[in-house]
Protein backbone atom coordinates (compact mmCIF):
# COMPACT_ATOMS: atom_id res chain seq x y z
CA MET A 1 -70.74 16.19 -25.72
CA ASP A 2 -69.21 12.80 -24.91
CA LYS A 3 -70.31 10.82 -21.92
CA ALA A 4 -67.39 9.84 -19.70
CA LEU A 5 -68.34 6.16 -19.77
CA GLU A 6 -68.02 6.17 -23.57
CA ARG A 7 -64.34 7.14 -23.16
CA VAL A 8 -63.43 4.28 -20.80
CA MET A 9 -60.86 2.11 -22.57
CA ASP A 10 -61.90 -1.26 -21.18
CA ALA A 11 -63.23 -1.48 -17.63
CA LEU A 12 -64.25 0.45 -14.56
CA ASP A 13 -62.91 -0.63 -11.14
CA VAL A 14 -64.77 0.08 -7.91
CA GLU A 15 -63.23 -0.59 -4.49
CA THR A 16 -64.90 -0.40 -1.10
CA PHE A 17 -65.18 -2.05 2.31
CA PHE A 18 -68.32 -4.03 3.10
CA VAL A 19 -69.20 -4.77 6.72
CA CYS A 20 -70.07 -8.46 6.55
CA GLY A 21 -69.17 -11.86 7.97
CA SER A 22 -67.15 -13.47 5.20
CA GLU A 23 -65.15 -12.94 2.03
CA GLU A 24 -67.85 -14.75 0.07
CA ALA A 25 -70.50 -12.31 1.32
CA GLY A 26 -68.32 -9.34 0.32
CA ARG A 27 -67.88 -10.76 -3.16
CA LYS A 28 -71.65 -11.18 -3.55
CA TYR A 29 -72.27 -7.63 -2.35
CA MET A 30 -69.79 -6.23 -4.89
CA LEU A 31 -71.30 -8.16 -7.80
CA GLY A 32 -74.75 -6.99 -6.72
CA LEU A 33 -73.59 -3.37 -6.43
CA LEU A 34 -72.09 -3.33 -9.92
CA LYS A 35 -75.23 -4.90 -11.36
CA ASP A 36 -77.33 -2.31 -9.50
CA PHE A 37 -75.22 0.34 -11.28
CA GLY A 38 -76.43 -1.18 -14.56
CA PHE A 39 -73.38 -3.18 -15.62
CA LYS A 40 -73.90 -6.71 -16.94
CA ASP A 41 -70.33 -7.96 -17.40
CA VAL A 42 -68.85 -7.82 -13.88
CA ASP A 43 -66.24 -9.63 -11.81
CA VAL A 44 -64.42 -9.43 -8.47
CA VAL A 45 -60.67 -8.93 -8.92
CA PHE A 46 -59.64 -8.63 -5.25
CA ALA A 47 -61.17 -9.51 -1.90
CA GLN A 48 -59.62 -9.65 1.56
CA TYR A 49 -61.39 -10.32 4.83
CA GLU A 50 -60.25 -7.84 7.52
CA GLY A 51 -61.89 -7.94 10.96
CA PRO A 52 -65.38 -6.46 10.60
CA GLY A 53 -65.71 -7.08 6.86
CA VAL A 54 -64.16 -7.36 3.43
CA ARG A 55 -62.14 -4.96 1.30
CA VAL A 56 -63.20 -5.80 -2.22
CA ARG A 57 -62.47 -4.48 -5.72
CA GLY A 58 -64.95 -5.15 -8.49
CA ARG A 59 -64.52 -4.67 -12.20
CA ALA A 60 -67.28 -3.70 -14.61
CA TYR A 61 -66.28 -4.36 -18.20
CA VAL A 62 -67.41 -1.61 -20.53
CA TYR A 63 -65.56 -3.12 -23.51
CA ARG A 64 -63.95 -6.51 -24.10
CA PRO A 65 -61.27 -7.19 -26.74
CA ALA A 66 -62.66 -6.89 -30.29
CA ASP A 67 -65.72 -4.90 -29.18
CA ARG A 68 -66.75 -1.77 -31.10
CA TYR A 69 -65.06 0.89 -29.01
CA ARG A 70 -67.06 4.14 -29.02
CA TRP A 71 -63.92 6.16 -28.20
CA LEU A 72 -62.25 4.76 -31.32
CA LEU A 73 -65.23 5.27 -33.63
CA GLY A 74 -65.47 8.97 -32.82
CA ASP A 75 -68.57 11.13 -33.00
CA ALA A 76 -70.50 12.85 -35.78
CA GLY A 77 -68.14 15.83 -35.49
CA GLY A 78 -65.28 13.72 -36.79
CA GLU A 79 -63.26 13.37 -33.59
CA ALA A 80 -61.79 9.87 -33.74
CA GLY A 81 -59.77 8.45 -30.91
CA VAL A 82 -58.77 10.47 -27.89
């Protein structure tokens, strides 16, 4: 059976609100969270300071252009693509 992460086309976005004192702190928390999840290629795509903290969206890249996409290669059963 396929793992869901193997079927992600390019990236996984995570959005949350961190209670913290600055936008910079929120960005650091998001990068740390995504790395704690096990992702190595991560970035912050949105951050906005709002009162008690920061609303922030992080992106964890599962595949970059020209990578070997597992969802395209298929499995041993011959299912290629989606």
